[in-house]
Amino acid sequence: QVQLVESGGGLVQAGGSLRLSCAASGTIFRFNAMGWYRQAPGKQRELVADIPNGGHTNYADSVKGRFTISRDNGKNTVYLQMNSLKPEDTAVYYCNGQLQVRTYWGQGTQVTVSS
């Protein structure tokens, strides 16, 4: 069974940094696109960043210049380096992966940025 497991969330002060990781298991195949979404209380889930297999990265305007997405295809792992964090970045962050015709989601990791 394919699973995505996130790690690296936590509590940080505004201006600080966190690095999220998402490791895929249960498959020997490389994911197509992988990405990160987030959902704040009372808001819809939104795309933060994604990275196709061999393609260009894509970022939400609100995180451009502060967040960096990367992936290690050998490990089927995607990362999100978050710098200059702001209180409005507080949300549950979800890993997303496209494998063949299916979409997979992680369980989410909480990121809280205090002012």
C-alpha atoms as a PDB file:
ATOM      1  CA  GLN A   1       0.000   0.000   0.000  1.00  0.00           C
ATOM      2  CA  VAL A   2       1.378   3.375  -1.023  1.00  0.00           C
ATOM      3  CA  GLN A   3       1.789   5.832   1.833  1.00  0.00           C
ATOM      4  CA  LEU A   4       3.131   9.353   2.200  1.00  0.00           C
ATOM      5  CA  VAL A   5       4.471  10.263   5.627  1.00  0.00           C
ATOM      6  CA  GLU A   6       5.294  13.854   6.543  1.00  0.00           C
ATOM      7  CA  SER A   7       7.639  15.039   9.250  1.00  0.00           C
ATOM      8  CA  GLY A   8       9.282  18.255  10.387  1.00  0.00           C
ATOM      9  CA  GLY A   9       6.382  20.392  11.485  1.00  0.00           C
ATOM     10  CA  GLY A  10       6.317  22.263  14.761  1.00  0.00           C
ATOM     11  CA  LEU A  11       6.177  25.608  16.515  1.00  0.00           C
ATOM     12  CA  VAL A  12       8.480  28.403  15.422  1.00  0.00           C
ATOM     13  CA  GLN A  13       8.679  32.151  15.937  1.00  0.00           C
ATOM     14  CA  ALA A  14       8.039  34.545  13.088  1.00  0.00           C
ATOM     15  CA  GLY A  15      11.135  34.905  10.963  1.00  0.00           C
ATOM     16  CA  GLY A  16      12.270  31.389  11.732  1.00  0.00           C
ATOM     17  CA  SER A  17      12.680  28.343   9.520  1.00  0.00           C
ATOM     18  CA  LEU A  18      11.400  24.805   9.279  1.00  0.00           C
ATOM     19  CA  ARG A  19      12.062  21.965   6.876  1.00  0.00           C
ATOM     20  CA  LEU A  20       9.306  19.527   6.050  1.00  0.00           C
ATOM     21  CA  SER A  21       9.953  16.077   4.635  1.00  0.00           C
ATOM     22  CA  CYS A  22       7.604  13.626   2.972  1.00  0.00           C
ATOM     23  CA  ALA A  23       8.696  10.078   2.346  1.00  0.00           C
ATOM     24  CA  ALA A  24       6.780   7.685   0.129  1.00  0.00           C
ATOM     25  CA  SER A  25       6.659   3.980   0.793  1.00  0.00           C
ATOM     26  CA  GLY A  26       4.955   0.962  -0.701  1.00  0.00           C
ATOM     27  CA  THR A  27       6.044   1.503  -4.293  1.00  0.00           C
ATOM     28  CA  ILE A  28       9.128   1.080  -6.418  1.00  0.00           C
ATOM     29  CA  PHE A  29       7.819   3.521  -9.011  1.00  0.00           C
ATOM     30  CA  ARG A  30       8.805   7.160  -9.151  1.00  0.00           C
ATOM     31  CA  PHE A  31       6.068   9.659  -8.472  1.00  0.00           C
ATOM     32  CA  ASN A  32       5.174  12.070 -11.234  1.00  0.00           C
ATOM     33  CA  ALA A  33       4.436  15.389  -9.565  1.00  0.00           C
ATOM     34  CA  MET A  34       4.932  15.797  -5.842  1.00  0.00           C
ATOM     35  CA  GLY A  35       3.914  18.793  -3.838  1.00  0.00           C
ATOM     36  CA  TRP A  36       2.821  20.473  -0.654  1.00  0.00           C
ATOM     37  CA  TYR A  37      -0.571  21.882   0.212  1.00  0.00           C
ATOM     38  CA  ARG A  38      -1.746  23.584   3.373  1.00  0.00           C
ATOM     39  CA  GLN A  39      -5.013  24.201   5.132  1.00  0.00           C
ATOM     40  CA  ALA A  40      -5.527  26.846   7.772  1.00  0.00           C
ATOM     41  CA  PRO A  41      -8.524  26.767  10.129  1.00  0.00           C
ATOM     42  CA  GLY A  42     -11.680  27.856   8.339  1.00  0.00           C
ATOM     43  CA  LYS A  43      -9.955  27.991   4.960  1.00  0.00           C
ATOM     44  CA  GLN A  44      -9.761  25.754   1.941  1.00  0.00           C
ATOM     45  CA  ARG A  45      -6.742  23.619   1.218  1.00  0.00           C
ATOM     46  CA  GLU A  46      -4.363  25.468  -1.076  1.00  0.00           C
ATOM     47  CA  LEU A  47      -1.309  24.617  -3.125  1.00  0.00           C
ATOM     48  CA  VAL A  48       1.964  25.780  -1.590  1.00  0.00           C
ATOM     49  CA  ALA A  49       4.426  24.359  -4.097  1.00  0.00           C
ATOM     50  CA  ASP A  50       4.850  21.445  -6.444  1.00  0.00           C
ATOM     51  CA  ILE A  51       7.630  19.854  -8.419  1.00  0.00           C
ATOM     52  CA  PRO A  52       7.020  17.640 -11.430  1.00  0.00           C
ATOM     53  CA  ASN A  53       9.395  14.803 -12.207  1.00  0.00           C
ATOM     54  CA  GLY A  54      12.014  16.659 -14.201  1.00  0.00           C
ATOM     55  CA  GLY A  55       9.936  19.793 -14.646  1.00  0.00           C
ATOM     56  CA  HIS A  56       9.830  23.281 -13.271  1.00  0.00           C
ATOM     57  CA  THR A  57       8.817  24.059  -9.740  1.00  0.00           C
ATOM     58  CA  ASN A  58       5.677  26.027  -9.032  1.00  0.00           C
ATOM     59  CA  TYR A  59       4.963  28.208  -5.988  1.00  0.00           C
ATOM     60  CA  ALA A  60       2.032  30.061  -4.550  1.00  0.00           C
ATOM     61  CA  ASP A  61       2.617  33.810  -4.727  1.00  0.00           C
ATOM     62  CA  SER A  62       2.451  34.054  -0.951  1.00  0.00           C
ATOM     63  CA  VAL A  63       5.525  31.862  -0.468  1.00  0.00           C
ATOM     64  CA  LYS A  64       7.703  32.808  -3.433  1.00  0.00           C
ATOM     65  CA  GLY A  65      11.183  33.784  -2.333  1.00  0.00           C
ATOM     66  CA  ARG A  66      10.711  32.228   1.116  1.00  0.00           C
ATOM     67  CA  PHE A  67       9.965  28.547   0.484  1.00  0.00           C
ATOM     68  CA  THR A  68      11.914  26.050  -1.610  1.00  0.00           C
ATOM     69  CA  ILE A  69      10.634  22.678  -2.751  1.00  0.00           C
ATOM     70  CA  SER A  70      12.994  19.879  -3.732  1.00  0.00           C
ATOM     71  CA  ARG A  71      12.865  16.150  -4.218  1.00  0.00           C
ATOM     72  CA  ASP A  72      15.105  13.117  -4.019  1.00  0.00           C
ATOM     73  CA  ASN A  73      13.834  10.659  -6.607  1.00  0.00           C
ATOM     74  CA  GLY A  74      16.077   7.903  -5.335  1.00  0.00           C
ATOM     75  CA  LYS A  75      14.275   8.078  -2.016  1.00  0.00           C
ATOM     76  CA  ASN A  76      10.862   9.069  -3.396  1.00  0.00           C
ATOM     77  CA  THR A  77      10.989  11.968  -0.958  1.00  0.00           C
ATOM     78  CA  VAL A  78       9.971  15.587  -1.287  1.00  0.00           C
ATOM     79  CA  TYR A  79      11.099  18.445   0.937  1.00  0.00           C
ATOM     80  CA  LEU A  80       9.869  21.927   1.717  1.00  0.00           C
ATOM     81  CA  GLN A  81      12.358  24.388   3.152  1.00  0.00           C
ATOM     82  CA  MET A  82      10.444  27.246   4.740  1.00  0.00           C
ATOM     83  CA  ASN A  83      12.311  30.421   5.656  1.00  0.00           C
ATOM     84  CA  SER A  84      11.166  33.806   6.943  1.00  0.00           C
ATOM     85  CA  LEU A  85       8.025  32.228   8.300  1.00  0.00           C
ATOM     86  CA  LYS A  86       5.043  34.420   9.049  1.00  0.00           C
ATOM     87  CA  PRO A  87       2.059  33.865  11.358  1.00  0.00           C
ATOM     88  CA  GLU A  88      -0.141  33.541   8.265  1.00  0.00           C
ATOM     89  CA  ASP A  89       1.856  30.447   7.287  1.00  0.00           C
ATOM     90  CA  THR A  90       0.261  28.637  10.225  1.00  0.00           C
ATOM     91  CA  ALA A  91      -1.618  25.625   8.878  1.00  0.00           C
ATOM     92  CA  VAL A  92      -1.622  21.875   8.520  1.00  0.00           C
ATOM     93  CA  TYR A  93       0.736  21.019   5.675  1.00  0.00           C
ATOM     94  CA  TYR A  94      -0.068  18.033   3.488  1.00  0.00           C
ATOM     95  CA  CYS A  95       2.177  16.163   1.122  1.00  0.00           C
ATOM     96  CA  ASN A  96       0.696  15.190  -2.230  1.00  0.00           C
ATOM     97  CA  GLY A  97       1.946  12.778  -4.849  1.00  0.00           C
ATOM     98  CA  GLN A  98       0.775  11.751  -8.295  1.00  0.00           C
ATOM     99  CA  LEU A  99       1.599   8.156  -9.152  1.00  0.00           C
ATOM    100  CA  GLN A 100       0.325   6.806 -12.472  1.00  0.00           C
ATOM    101  CA  VAL A 101      -3.406   7.630 -12.369  1.00  0.00           C
ATOM    102  CA  ARG A 102      -3.803   8.019  -8.619  1.00  0.00           C
ATOM    103  CA  THR A 103      -3.317  10.866  -6.190  1.00  0.00           C
ATOM    104  CA  TYR A 104      -2.003  10.214  -2.713  1.00  0.00           C
ATOM    105  CA  TRP A 105      -2.057  12.406   0.398  1.00  0.00           C
ATOM    106  CA  GLY A 106      -0.109  12.331   3.608  1.00  0.00           C
ATOM    107  CA  GLN A 107      -1.747  12.649   6.997  1.00  0.00           C
ATOM    108  CA  GLY A 108      -0.588  16.227   7.492  1.00  0.00           C
ATOM    109  CA  THR A 109       1.850  17.958   9.806  1.00  0.00           C
ATOM    110  CA  GLN A 110       1.074  21.047  11.858  1.00  0.00           C
ATOM    111  CA  VAL A 111       3.127  24.197  11.368  1.00  0.00           C
ATOM    112  CA  THR A 112       2.501  26.989  13.845  1.00  0.00           C
ATOM    113  CA  VAL A 113       4.225  30.355  13.561  1.00  0.00           C
ATOM    114  CA  SER A 114       3.985  32.636  16.567  1.00  0.00           C
ATOM    115  CA  SER A 115       4.207  36.401  16.304  1.00  0.00           C
END
